[in-house]
Amino acid sequence: MEGAQVMAAVYILAGTMHFVFPRTYVKIIPPYIPLPRTMVYLSGFFEVLFGGLLLFPQTRSYAAMGIILLLLAVFPANIYMAQRMKARNNPYTWVAYLRLPLQGVLIYWAYLYI
């Protein structure tokens, strides 16, 4: 499996999880973002869509650009999740904070396919 196929599988799976476990994702939506459940479904839809588009050389660069924009759009939810976990003294807060720079790695990975 080549890198774009691996990335496609990651995003298709991640996006599908938004529909299977929406409440998990709703909990990390910052309160200032309206319609949290709708946002979860929209982000899941775009993850699946862009993941699928990665599979085709003709649409791969558009998918990569979409993924980068999506990662930037959901970054506030990742920050909110880390802050919320810290406020609740969750022992896994470090995982949430480790995830923040991972967004940069994921953006770079997508950038490789533009």
PDB file of N, CA and C in Angstrom:
ATOM      1  N   MET A   1       0.859  -1.179   0.000  1.00  0.00           N
ATOM      2  CA  MET A   1       0.000   0.000   0.000  1.00  0.00           C
ATOM      3  C   MET A   1       0.899   1.235   0.000  1.00  0.00           C
ATOM      4  N   GLU A   2       0.628   2.160  -0.885  1.00  0.00           N
ATOM      5  CA  GLU A   2       1.433   3.375  -0.934  1.00  0.00           C
ATOM      6  C   GLU A   2       0.920   4.401   0.074  1.00  0.00           C
ATOM      7  N   GLY A   3       1.715   5.460   0.276  1.00  0.00           N
ATOM      8  CA  GLY A   3       1.390   6.455   1.300  1.00  0.00           C
ATOM      9  C   GLY A   3       0.025   7.087   1.160  1.00  0.00           C
ATOM     10  N   ALA A   4      -0.376   7.416  -0.073  1.00  0.00           N
ATOM     11  CA  ALA A   4      -1.683   8.050  -0.275  1.00  0.00           C
ATOM     12  C   ALA A   4      -2.807   7.091   0.095  1.00  0.00           C
ATOM     13  N   GLN A   5      -2.606   5.817  -0.155  1.00  0.00           N
ATOM     14  CA  GLN A   5      -3.629   4.830   0.202  1.00  0.00           C
ATOM     15  C   GLN A   5      -3.730   4.685   1.716  1.00  0.00           C
ATOM     16  N   VAL A   6      -2.594   4.723   2.391  1.00  0.00           N
ATOM     17  CA  VAL A   6      -2.597   4.656   3.857  1.00  0.00           C
ATOM     18  C   VAL A   6      -3.322   5.877   4.421  1.00  0.00           C
ATOM     19  N   MET A   7      -2.978   7.056   3.878  1.00  0.00           N
ATOM     20  CA  MET A   7      -3.629   8.279   4.333  1.00  0.00           C
ATOM     21  C   MET A   7      -5.131   8.225   4.062  1.00  0.00           C
ATOM     22  N   ALA A   8      -5.506   7.728   2.913  1.00  0.00           N
ATOM     23  CA  ALA A   8      -6.929   7.601   2.572  1.00  0.00           C
ATOM     24  C   ALA A   8      -7.643   6.720   3.588  1.00  0.00           C
ATOM     25  N   ALA A   9      -7.035   5.591   3.923  1.00  0.00           N
ATOM     26  CA  ALA A   9      -7.642   4.674   4.890  1.00  0.00           C
ATOM     27  C   ALA A   9      -7.794   5.340   6.256  1.00  0.00           C
ATOM     28  N   VAL A  10      -6.780   6.103   6.665  1.00  0.00           N
ATOM     29  CA  VAL A  10      -6.834   6.792   7.954  1.00  0.00           C
ATOM     30  C   VAL A  10      -8.012   7.764   7.992  1.00  0.00           C
ATOM     31  N   TYR A  11      -8.150   8.565   6.943  1.00  0.00           N
ATOM     32  CA  TYR A  11      -9.216   9.574   6.942  1.00  0.00           C
ATOM     33  C   TYR A  11     -10.599   8.968   6.744  1.00  0.00           C
ATOM     34  N   ILE A  12     -10.697   7.943   5.941  1.00  0.00           N
ATOM     35  CA  ILE A  12     -11.996   7.284   5.765  1.00  0.00           C
ATOM     36  C   ILE A  12     -12.442   6.641   7.082  1.00  0.00           C
ATOM     37  N   LEU A  13     -11.514   5.989   7.759  1.00  0.00           N
ATOM     38  CA  LEU A  13     -11.848   5.389   9.057  1.00  0.00           C
ATOM     39  C   LEU A  13     -12.192   6.464  10.084  1.00  0.00           C
ATOM     40  N   ALA A  14     -11.363   7.493  10.166  1.00  0.00           N
ATOM     41  CA  ALA A  14     -11.611   8.557  11.141  1.00  0.00           C
ATOM     42  C   ALA A  14     -12.951   9.237  10.874  1.00  0.00           C
ATOM     43  N   GLY A  15     -13.243   9.501   9.619  1.00  0.00           N
ATOM     44  CA  GLY A  15     -14.508  10.138   9.274  1.00  0.00           C
ATOM     45  C   GLY A  15     -15.700   9.263   9.592  1.00  0.00           C
ATOM     46  N   THR A  16     -15.571   7.980   9.350  1.00  0.00           N
ATOM     47  CA  THR A  16     -16.644   7.030   9.646  1.00  0.00           C
ATOM     48  C   THR A  16     -16.947   7.012  11.146  1.00  0.00           C
ATOM     49  N   MET A  17     -15.919   7.138  11.956  1.00  0.00           N
ATOM     50  CA  MET A  17     -16.112   7.137  13.413  1.00  0.00           C
ATOM     51  C   MET A  17     -16.974   8.309  13.874  1.00  0.00           C
ATOM     52  N   HIS A  18     -16.987   9.417  13.111  1.00  0.00           N
ATOM     53  CA  HIS A  18     -17.845  10.551  13.451  1.00  0.00           C
ATOM     54  C   HIS A  18     -19.321  10.165  13.389  1.00  0.00           C
ATOM     55  N   PHE A  19     -19.650   9.217  12.519  1.00  0.00           N
ATOM     56  CA  PHE A  19     -21.037   8.774  12.380  1.00  0.00           C
ATOM     57  C   PHE A  19     -21.370   7.632  13.335  1.00  0.00           C
ATOM     58  N   VAL A  20     -20.374   6.837  13.680  1.00  0.00           N
ATOM     59  CA  VAL A  20     -20.579   5.700  14.576  1.00  0.00           C
ATOM     60  C   VAL A  20     -20.643   6.156  16.036  1.00  0.00           C
ATOM     61  N   PHE A  21     -19.767   7.092  16.411  1.00  0.00           N
ATOM     62  CA  PHE A  21     -19.691   7.580  17.795  1.00  0.00           C
ATOM     63  C   PHE A  21     -19.787   9.107  17.842  1.00  0.00           C
ATOM     64  N   PRO A  22     -20.865   9.696  17.364  1.00  0.00           N
ATOM     65  CA  PRO A  22     -20.926  11.162  17.298  1.00  0.00           C
ATOM     66  C   PRO A  22     -20.825  11.849  18.661  1.00  0.00           C
ATOM     67  N   ARG A  23     -21.358  11.235  19.702  1.00  0.00           N
ATOM     68  CA  ARG A  23     -21.327  11.877  21.030  1.00  0.00           C
ATOM     69  C   ARG A  23     -19.900  12.101  21.517  1.00  0.00           C
ATOM     70  N   THR A  24     -19.005  11.195  21.171  1.00  0.00           N
ATOM     71  CA  THR A  24     -17.603  11.344  21.559  1.00  0.00           C
ATOM     72  C   THR A  24     -17.035  12.637  20.985  1.00  0.00           C
ATOM     73  N   TYR A  25     -17.380  12.938  19.746  1.00  0.00           N
ATOM     74  CA  TYR A  25     -16.857  14.125  19.076  1.00  0.00           C
ATOM     75  C   TYR A  25     -17.601  15.383  19.492  1.00  0.00           C
ATOM     76  N   VAL A  26     -18.883  15.263  19.753  1.00  0.00           N
ATOM     77  CA  VAL A  26     -19.671  16.426  20.189  1.00  0.00           C
ATOM     78  C   VAL A  26     -19.074  16.998  21.474  1.00  0.00           C
ATOM     79  N   LYS A  27     -18.585  16.131  22.357  1.00  0.00           N
ATOM     80  CA  LYS A  27     -18.035  16.570  23.645  1.00  0.00           C
ATOM     81  C   LYS A  27     -16.814  17.467  23.500  1.00  0.00           C
ATOM     82  N   ILE A  28     -16.105  17.374  22.380  1.00  0.00           N
ATOM     83  CA  ILE A  28     -14.887  18.180  22.248  1.00  0.00           C
ATOM     84  C   ILE A  28     -15.100  19.443  21.404  1.00  0.00           C
ATOM     85  N   ILE A  29     -16.333  19.688  20.989  1.00  0.00           N
ATOM     86  CA  ILE A  29     -16.627  20.907  20.229  1.00  0.00           C
ATOM     87  C   ILE A  29     -16.693  22.075  21.218  1.00  0.00           C
ATOM     88  N   PRO A  30     -15.912  23.126  20.974  1.00  0.00           N
ATOM     89  CA  PRO A  30     -15.979  24.291  21.881  1.00  0.00           C
ATOM     90  C   PRO A  30     -17.392  24.874  21.904  1.00  0.00           C
ATOM     91  N   PRO A  31     -17.802  25.402  23.047  1.00  0.00           N
ATOM     92  CA  PRO A  31     -19.174  25.891  23.193  1.00  0.00           C
ATOM     93  C   PRO A  31     -19.524  27.056  22.270  1.00  0.00           C
ATOM     94  N   TYR A  32     -18.538  27.774  21.758  1.00  0.00           N
ATOM     95  CA  TYR A  32     -18.838  28.907  20.882  1.00  0.00           C
ATOM     96  C   TYR A  32     -19.125  28.481  19.441  1.00  0.00           C
ATOM     97  N   ILE A  33     -18.964  27.200  19.135  1.00  0.00           N
ATOM     98  CA  ILE A  33     -19.263  26.697  17.787  1.00  0.00           C
ATOM     99  C   ILE A  33     -20.705  26.195  17.786  1.00  0.00           C
ATOM    100  N   PRO A  34     -21.520  26.751  16.875  1.00  0.00           N
ATOM    101  CA  PRO A  34     -22.941  26.361  16.856  1.00  0.00           C
ATOM    102  C   PRO A  34     -23.145  24.966  16.261  1.00  0.00           C
ATOM    103  N   LEU A  35     -24.261  24.365  16.602  1.00  0.00           N
ATOM    104  CA  LEU A  35     -24.688  23.085  16.040  1.00  0.00           C
ATOM    105  C   LEU A  35     -23.592  22.011  16.109  1.00  0.00           C
ATOM    106  N   PRO A  36     -23.165  21.655  17.309  1.00  0.00           N
ATOM    107  CA  PRO A  36     -22.044  20.728  17.432  1.00  0.00           C
ATOM    108  C   PRO A  36     -22.253  19.386  16.726  1.00  0.00           C
ATOM    109  N   ARG A  37     -23.421  18.806  16.829  1.00  0.00           N
ATOM    110  CA  ARG A  37     -23.656  17.503  16.180  1.00  0.00           C
ATOM    111  C   ARG A  37     -23.552  17.643  14.659  1.00  0.00           C
ATOM    112  N   THR A  38     -24.104  18.718  14.135  1.00  0.00           N
ATOM    113  CA  THR A  38     -24.004  18.965  12.694  1.00  0.00           C
ATOM    114  C   THR A  38     -22.545  19.125  12.285  1.00  0.00           C
ATOM    115  N   MET A  39     -21.767  19.823  13.104  1.00  0.00           N
ATOM    116  CA  MET A  39     -20.340  20.008  12.810  1.00  0.00           C
ATOM    117  C   MET A  39     -19.594  18.677  12.830  1.00  0.00           C
ATOM    118  N   VAL A  40     -19.971  17.809  13.750  1.00  0.00           N
ATOM    119  CA  VAL A  40     -19.350  16.478  13.804  1.00  0.00           C
ATOM    120  C   VAL A  40     -19.654  15.713  12.520  1.00  0.00           C
ATOM    121  N   TYR A  41     -20.902  15.735  12.105  1.00  0.00           N
ATOM    122  CA  TYR A  41     -21.276  15.020  10.878  1.00  0.00           C
ATOM    123  C   TYR A  41     -20.614  15.645   9.653  1.00  0.00           C
ATOM    124  N   LEU A  42     -20.544  16.963   9.610  1.00  0.00           N
ATOM    125  CA  LEU A  42     -19.896  17.628   8.474  1.00  0.00           C
ATOM    126  C   LEU A  42     -18.411  17.292   8.399  1.00  0.00           C
ATOM    127  N   SER A  43     -17.740  17.361   9.533  1.00  0.00           N
ATOM    128  CA  SER A  43     -16.308  17.056   9.523  1.00  0.00           C
ATOM    129  C   SER A  43     -16.085  15.585   9.169  1.00  0.00           C
ATOM    130  N   GLY A  44     -16.933  14.704   9.658  1.00  0.00           N
ATOM    131  CA  GLY A  44     -16.822  13.290   9.300  1.00  0.00           C
ATOM    132  C   GLY A  44     -17.049  13.066   7.818  1.00  0.00           C
ATOM    133  N   PHE A  45     -18.058  13.741   7.268  1.00  0.00           N
ATOM    134  CA  PHE A  45     -18.342  13.636   5.842  1.00  0.00           C
ATOM    135  C   PHE A  45     -17.134  14.070   5.018  1.00  0.00           C
ATOM    136  N   PHE A  46     -16.538  15.217   5.395  1.00  0.00           N
ATOM    137  CA  PHE A  46     -15.395  15.712   4.627  1.00  0.00           C
ATOM    138  C   PHE A  46     -14.163  14.825   4.802  1.00  0.00           C
ATOM    139  N   GLU A  47     -13.982  14.231   5.964  1.00  0.00           N
ATOM    140  CA  GLU A  47     -12.865  13.299   6.133  1.00  0.00           C
ATOM    141  C   GLU A  47     -13.034  12.101   5.200  1.00  0.00           C
ATOM    142  N   VAL A  48     -14.232  11.551   5.144  1.00  0.00           N
ATOM    143  CA  VAL A  48     -14.486  10.415   4.252  1.00  0.00           C
ATOM    144  C   VAL A  48     -14.327  10.846   2.790  1.00  0.00           C
ATOM    145  N   LEU A  49     -14.896  11.993   2.442  1.00  0.00           N
ATOM    146  CA  LEU A  49     -14.801  12.489   1.071  1.00  0.00           C
ATOM    147  C   LEU A  49     -13.349  12.700   0.654  1.00  0.00           C
ATOM    148  N   PHE A  50     -12.603  13.448   1.448  1.00  0.00           N
ATOM    149  CA  PHE A  50     -11.217  13.728   1.086  1.00  0.00           C
ATOM    150  C   PHE A  50     -10.374  12.454   1.108  1.00  0.00           C
ATOM    151  N   GLY A  51     -10.658  11.561   2.045  1.00  0.00           N
ATOM    152  CA  GLY A  51      -9.962  10.273   2.061  1.00  0.00           C
ATOM    153  C   GLY A  51     -10.205   9.512   0.774  1.00  0.00           C
ATOM    154  N   GLY A  52     -11.434   9.483   0.334  1.00  0.00           N
ATOM    155  CA  GLY A  52     -11.757   8.803  -0.924  1.00  0.00           C
ATOM    156  C   GLY A  52     -11.089   9.456  -2.116  1.00  0.00           C
ATOM    157  N   LEU A  53     -11.067  10.784  -2.135  1.00  0.00           N
ATOM    158  CA  LEU A  53     -10.446  11.501  -3.250  1.00  0.00           C
ATOM    159  C   LEU A  53      -8.932  11.316  -3.301  1.00  0.00           C
ATOM    160  N   LEU A  54      -8.333  10.970  -2.169  1.00  0.00           N
ATOM    161  CA  LEU A  54      -6.888  10.684  -2.152  1.00  0.00           C
ATOM    162  C   LEU A  54      -6.541   9.458  -2.993  1.00  0.00           C
ATOM    163  N   LEU A  55      -7.498   8.598  -3.190  1.00  0.00           N
ATOM    164  CA  LEU A  55      -7.233   7.336  -3.898  1.00  0.00           C
ATOM    165  C   LEU A  55      -7.021   7.519  -5.400  1.00  0.00           C
ATOM    166  N   PHE A  56      -7.405   8.670  -5.924  1.00  0.00           N
ATOM    167  CA  PHE A  56      -7.316   8.892  -7.363  1.00  0.00           C
ATOM    168  C   PHE A  56      -6.284   9.973  -7.676  1.00  0.00           C
ATOM    169  N   PRO A  57      -5.309   9.668  -8.508  1.00  0.00           N
ATOM    170  CA  PRO A  57      -4.267  10.663  -8.832  1.00  0.00           C
ATOM    171  C   PRO A  57      -4.837  11.989  -9.345  1.00  0.00           C
ATOM    172  N   GLN A  58      -5.957  11.934 -10.058  1.00  0.00           N
ATOM    173  CA  GLN A  58      -6.555  13.146 -10.623  1.00  0.00           C
ATOM    174  C   GLN A  58      -7.100  14.093  -9.550  1.00  0.00           C
ATOM    175  N   THR A  59      -7.485  13.553  -8.410  1.00  0.00           N
ATOM    176  CA  THR A  59      -8.095  14.380  -7.359  1.00  0.00           C
ATOM    177  C   THR A  59      -7.244  14.452  -6.088  1.00  0.00           C
ATOM    178  N   ARG A  60      -6.103  13.798  -6.103  1.00  0.00           N
ATOM    179  CA  ARG A  60      -5.272  13.690  -4.891  1.00  0.00           C
ATOM    180  C   ARG A  60      -4.853  15.051  -4.349  1.00  0.00           C
ATOM    181  N   SER A  61      -4.418  15.960  -5.203  1.00  0.00           N
ATOM    182  CA  SER A  61      -3.950  17.254  -4.691  1.00  0.00           C
ATOM    183  C   SER A  61      -5.106  18.070  -4.102  1.00  0.00           C
ATOM    184  N   TYR A  62      -6.297  17.979  -4.719  1.00  0.00           N
ATOM    185  CA  TYR A  62      -7.462  18.677  -4.158  1.00  0.00           C
ATOM    186  C   TYR A  62      -7.828  18.093  -2.793  1.00  0.00           C
ATOM    187  N   ALA A  63      -7.752  16.778  -2.689  1.00  0.00           N
ATOM    188  CA  ALA A  63      -8.041  16.113  -1.417  1.00  0.00           C
ATOM    189  C   ALA A  63      -7.048  16.549  -0.349  1.00  0.00           C
ATOM    190  N   ALA A  64      -5.777  16.616  -0.717  1.00  0.00           N
ATOM    191  CA  ALA A  64      -4.742  17.028   0.239  1.00  0.00           C
ATOM    192  C   ALA A  64      -4.993  18.455   0.725  1.00  0.00           C
ATOM    193  N   MET A  65      -5.362  19.342  -0.195  1.00  0.00           N
ATOM    194  CA  MET A  65      -5.666  20.725   0.210  1.00  0.00           C
ATOM    195  C   MET A  65      -6.885  20.754   1.129  1.00  0.00           C
ATOM    196  N   GLY A  66      -7.887  19.954   0.815  1.00  0.00           N
ATOM    197  CA  GLY A  66      -9.071  19.870   1.666  1.00  0.00           C
ATOM    198  C   GLY A  66      -8.738  19.350   3.051  1.00  0.00           C
ATOM    199  N   ILE A  67      -7.878  18.362   3.117  1.00  0.00           N
ATOM    200  CA  ILE A  67      -7.468  17.805   4.416  1.00  0.00           C
ATOM    201  C   ILE A  67      -6.740  18.851   5.237  1.00  0.00           C
ATOM    202  N   ILE A  68      -5.861  19.604   4.601  1.00  0.00           N
ATOM    203  CA  ILE A  68      -5.134  20.656   5.327  1.00  0.00           C
ATOM    204  C   ILE A  68      -6.124  21.669   5.897  1.00  0.00           C
ATOM    205  N   LEU A  69      -7.073  22.107   5.085  1.00  0.00           N
ATOM    206  CA  LEU A  69      -8.070  23.069   5.562  1.00  0.00           C
ATOM    207  C   LEU A  69      -8.920  22.471   6.689  1.00  0.00           C
ATOM    208  N   LEU A  70      -9.271  21.209   6.548  1.00  0.00           N
ATOM    209  CA  LEU A  70     -10.062  20.544   7.583  1.00  0.00           C
ATOM    210  C   LEU A  70      -9.276  20.439   8.885  1.00  0.00           C
ATOM    211  N   LEU A  71      -8.006  20.077   8.800  1.00  0.00           N
ATOM    212  CA  LEU A  71      -7.181  19.983  10.009  1.00  0.00           C
ATOM    213  C   LEU A  71      -7.063  21.334  10.706  1.00  0.00           C
ATOM    214  N   LEU A  72      -6.951  22.387   9.928  1.00  0.00           N
ATOM    215  CA  LEU A  72      -6.900  23.730  10.516  1.00  0.00           C
ATOM    216  C   LEU A  72      -8.244  24.082  11.157  1.00  0.00           C
ATOM    217  N   ALA A  73      -9.329  23.691  10.511  1.00  0.00           N
ATOM    218  CA  ALA A  73     -10.668  24.004  11.027  1.00  0.00           C
ATOM    219  C   ALA A  73     -10.972  23.287  12.337  1.00  0.00           C
ATOM    220  N   VAL A  74     -10.492  22.054  12.498  1.00  0.00           N
ATOM    221  CA  VAL A  74     -10.803  21.295  13.714  1.00  0.00           C
ATOM    222  C   VAL A  74      -9.782  21.516  14.830  1.00  0.00           C
ATOM    223  N   PHE A  75      -8.729  22.265  14.548  1.00  0.00           N
ATOM    224  CA  PHE A  75      -7.705  22.495  15.565  1.00  0.00           C
ATOM    225  C   PHE A  75      -8.260  23.119  16.846  1.00  0.00           C
ATOM    226  N   PRO A  76      -9.186  24.088  16.758  1.00  0.00           N
ATOM    227  CA  PRO A  76      -9.754  24.619  18.010  1.00  0.00           C
ATOM    228  C   PRO A  76     -10.414  23.542  18.878  1.00  0.00           C
ATOM    229  N   ALA A  77     -11.008  22.536  18.264  1.00  0.00           N
ATOM    230  CA  ALA A  77     -11.621  21.452  19.047  1.00  0.00           C
ATOM    231  C   ALA A  77     -10.536  20.653  19.774  1.00  0.00           C
ATOM    232  N   ASN A  78      -9.386  20.475  19.144  1.00  0.00           N
ATOM    233  CA  ASN A  78      -8.297  19.748  19.799  1.00  0.00           C
ATOM    234  C   ASN A  78      -7.739  20.542  20.982  1.00  0.00           C
ATOM    235  N   ILE A  79      -7.641  21.853  20.818  1.00  0.00           N
ATOM    236  CA  ILE A  79      -7.189  22.707  21.927  1.00  0.00           C
ATOM    237  C   ILE A  79      -8.214  22.652  23.063  1.00  0.00           C
ATOM    238  N   TYR A  80      -9.478  22.790  22.719  1.00  0.00           N
ATOM    239  CA  TYR A  80     -10.544  22.760  23.724  1.00  0.00           C
ATOM    240  C   TYR A  80     -10.537  21.431  24.480  1.00  0.00           C
ATOM    241  N   MET A  81     -10.344  20.327  23.753  1.00  0.00           N
ATOM    242  CA  MET A  81     -10.310  19.019  24.396  1.00  0.00           C
ATOM    243  C   MET A  81      -9.165  18.945  25.403  1.00  0.00           C
ATOM    244  N   ALA A  82      -7.989  19.428  25.028  1.00  0.00           N
ATOM    245  CA  ALA A  82      -6.837  19.384  25.936  1.00  0.00           C
ATOM    246  C   ALA A  82      -7.090  20.248  27.170  1.00  0.00           C
ATOM    247  N   GLN A  83      -7.627  21.439  26.964  1.00  0.00           N
ATOM    248  CA  GLN A  83      -7.901  22.332  28.089  1.00  0.00           C
ATOM    249  C   GLN A  83      -8.961  21.746  29.019  1.00  0.00           C
ATOM    250  N   ARG A  84      -9.965  21.140  28.424  1.00  0.00           N
ATOM    251  CA  ARG A  84     -11.048  20.538  29.215  1.00  0.00           C
ATOM    252  C   ARG A  84     -10.520  19.361  30.039  1.00  0.00           C
ATOM    253  N   MET A  85      -9.668  18.562  29.423  1.00  0.00           N
ATOM    254  CA  MET A  85      -9.103  17.419  30.151  1.00  0.00           C
ATOM    255  C   MET A  85      -8.222  17.905  31.303  1.00  0.00           C
ATOM    256  N   LYS A  86      -7.436  18.958  31.056  1.00  0.00           N
ATOM    257  CA  LYS A  86      -6.583  19.506  32.103  1.00  0.00           C
ATOM    258  C   LYS A  86      -7.421  20.035  33.256  1.00  0.00           C
ATOM    259  N   ALA A  87      -8.496  20.744  32.941  1.00  0.00           N
ATOM    260  CA  ALA A  87      -9.365  21.303  33.978  1.00  0.00           C
ATOM    261  C   ALA A  87     -10.006  20.217  34.833  1.00  0.00           C
ATOM    262  N   ARG A  88     -10.196  19.060  34.258  1.00  0.00           N
ATOM    263  CA  ARG A  88     -10.811  17.938  34.987  1.00  0.00           C
ATOM    264  C   ARG A  88      -9.767  16.999  35.592  1.00  0.00           C
ATOM    265  N   ASN A  89      -8.505  17.397  35.535  1.00  0.00           N
ATOM    266  CA  ASN A  89      -7.404  16.592  36.069  1.00  0.00           C
ATOM    267  C   ASN A  89      -7.388  15.174  35.502  1.00  0.00           C
ATOM    268  N   ASN A  90      -7.704  15.071  34.239  1.00  0.00           N
ATOM    269  CA  ASN A  90      -7.696  13.775  33.565  1.00  0.00           C
ATOM    270  C   ASN A  90      -6.249  13.291  33.451  1.00  0.00           C
ATOM    271  N   PRO A  91      -5.963  12.058  33.863  1.00  0.00           N
ATOM    272  CA  PRO A  91      -4.573  11.573  33.806  1.00  0.00           C
ATOM    273  C   PRO A  91      -4.041  11.425  32.378  1.00  0.00           C
ATOM    274  N   TYR A  92      -4.911  11.466  31.385  1.00  0.00           N
ATOM    275  CA  TYR A  92      -4.474  11.338  29.996  1.00  0.00           C
ATOM    276  C   TYR A  92      -4.410  12.684  29.270  1.00  0.00           C
ATOM    277  N   THR A  93      -4.370  13.761  30.039  1.00  0.00           N
ATOM    278  CA  THR A  93      -4.276  15.097  29.450  1.00  0.00           C
ATOM    279  C   THR A  93      -3.052  15.211  28.556  1.00  0.00           C
ATOM    280  N   TRP A  94      -1.972  14.566  28.939  1.00  0.00           N
ATOM    281  CA  TRP A  94      -0.739  14.646  28.157  1.00  0.00           C
ATOM    282  C   TRP A  94      -0.949  14.136  26.727  1.00  0.00           C
ATOM    283  N   VAL A  95      -1.851  13.159  26.564  1.00  0.00           N
ATOM    284  CA  VAL A  95      -2.136  12.622  25.225  1.00  0.00           C
ATOM    285  C   VAL A  95      -2.796  13.703  24.373  1.00  0.00           C
ATOM    286  N   ALA A  96      -3.724  14.434  24.973  1.00  0.00           N
ATOM    287  CA  ALA A  96      -4.415  15.500  24.245  1.00  0.00           C
ATOM    288  C   ALA A  96      -3.439  16.604  23.843  1.00  0.00           C
ATOM    289  N   TYR A  97      -2.505  16.930  24.725  1.00  0.00           N
ATOM    290  CA  TYR A  97      -1.515  17.959  24.386  1.00  0.00           C
ATOM    291  C   TYR A  97      -0.500  17.442  23.360  1.00  0.00           C
ATOM    292  N   LEU A  98      -0.200  16.172  23.412  1.00  0.00           N
ATOM    293  CA  LEU A  98       0.698  15.577  22.415  1.00  0.00           C
ATOM    294  C   LEU A  98       0.044  15.586  21.032  1.00  0.00           C
ATOM    295  N   ARG A  99      -1.262  15.511  21.018  1.00  0.00           N
ATOM    296  CA  ARG A  99      -1.999  15.507  19.756  1.00  0.00           C
ATOM    297  C   ARG A  99      -1.898  16.851  19.026  1.00  0.00           C
ATOM    298  N   LEU A 100      -1.696  17.932  19.757  1.00  0.00           N
ATOM    299  CA  LEU A 100      -1.655  19.254  19.125  1.00  0.00           C
ATOM    300  C   LEU A 100      -0.529  19.367  18.093  1.00  0.00           C
ATOM    301  N   PRO A 101       0.719  19.047  18.428  1.00  0.00           N
ATOM    302  CA  PRO A 101       1.756  19.121  17.388  1.00  0.00           C
ATOM    303  C   PRO A 101       1.585  18.037  16.318  1.00  0.00           C
ATOM    304  N   LEU A 102       0.868  16.976  16.642  1.00  0.00           N
ATOM    305  CA  LEU A 102       0.600  15.944  15.644  1.00  0.00           C
ATOM    306  C   LEU A 102      -0.187  16.529  14.476  1.00  0.00           C
ATOM    307  N   GLN A 103      -1.004  17.542  14.739  1.00  0.00           N
ATOM    308  CA  GLN A 103      -1.737  18.201  13.656  1.00  0.00           C
ATOM    309  C   GLN A 103      -0.761  18.743  12.610  1.00  0.00           C
ATOM    310  N   GLY A 104       0.354  19.287  13.071  1.00  0.00           N
ATOM    311  CA  GLY A 104       1.369  19.784  12.143  1.00  0.00           C
ATOM    312  C   GLY A 104       1.945  18.673  11.286  1.00  0.00           C
ATOM    313  N   VAL A 105       2.166  17.521  11.880  1.00  0.00           N
ATOM    314  CA  VAL A 105       2.673  16.359  11.143  1.00  0.00           C
ATOM    315  C   VAL A 105       1.653  15.915  10.099  1.00  0.00           C
ATOM    316  N   LEU A 106       0.383  15.887  10.494  1.00  0.00           N
ATOM    317  CA  LEU A 106      -0.672  15.492   9.555  1.00  0.00           C
ATOM    318  C   LEU A 106      -0.813  16.493   8.413  1.00  0.00           C
ATOM    319  N   ILE A 107      -0.657  17.773   8.730  1.00  0.00           N
ATOM    320  CA  ILE A 107      -0.703  18.797   7.685  1.00  0.00           C
ATOM    321  C   ILE A 107       0.453  18.602   6.719  1.00  0.00           C
ATOM    322  N   TYR A 108       1.637  18.351   7.250  1.00  0.00           N
ATOM    323  CA  TYR A 108       2.801  18.123   6.385  1.00  0.00           C
ATOM    324  C   TYR A 108       2.586  16.884   5.513  1.00  0.00           C
ATOM    325  N   TRP A 109       2.051  15.832   6.092  1.00  0.00           N
ATOM    326  CA  TRP A 109       1.792  14.598   5.347  1.00  0.00           C
ATOM    327  C   TRP A 109       0.863  14.888   4.167  1.00  0.00           C
ATOM    328  N   ALA A 110      -0.193  15.645   4.424  1.00  0.00           N
ATOM    329  CA  ALA A 110      -1.117  16.012   3.352  1.00  0.00           C
ATOM    330  C   ALA A 110      -0.433  16.901   2.315  1.00  0.00           C
ATOM    331  N   TYR A 111       0.401  17.813   2.790  1.00  0.00           N
ATOM    332  CA  TYR A 111       1.109  18.728   1.895  1.00  0.00           C
ATOM    333  C   TYR A 111       1.952  17.975   0.867  1.00  0.00           C
ATOM    334  N   LEU A 112       2.450  16.818   1.234  1.00  0.00           N
ATOM    335  CA  LEU A 112       3.269  16.018   0.324  1.00  0.00           C
ATOM    336  C   LEU A 112       2.513  15.585  -0.923  1.00  0.00           C
ATOM    337  N   TYR A 113       1.187  15.632  -0.873  1.00  0.00           N
ATOM    338  CA  TYR A 113       0.368  15.170  -2.001  1.00  0.00           C
ATOM    339  C   TYR A 113      -0.253  16.322  -2.801  1.00  0.00           C
ATOM    340  N   ILE A 114       0.136  17.540  -2.500  1.00  0.00           N
ATOM    341  CA  ILE A 114      -0.376  18.687  -3.283  1.00  0.00           C
ATOM    342  C   ILE A 114       0.391  18.781  -4.588  1.00  0.00           C
TER     343      ILE A 114
END
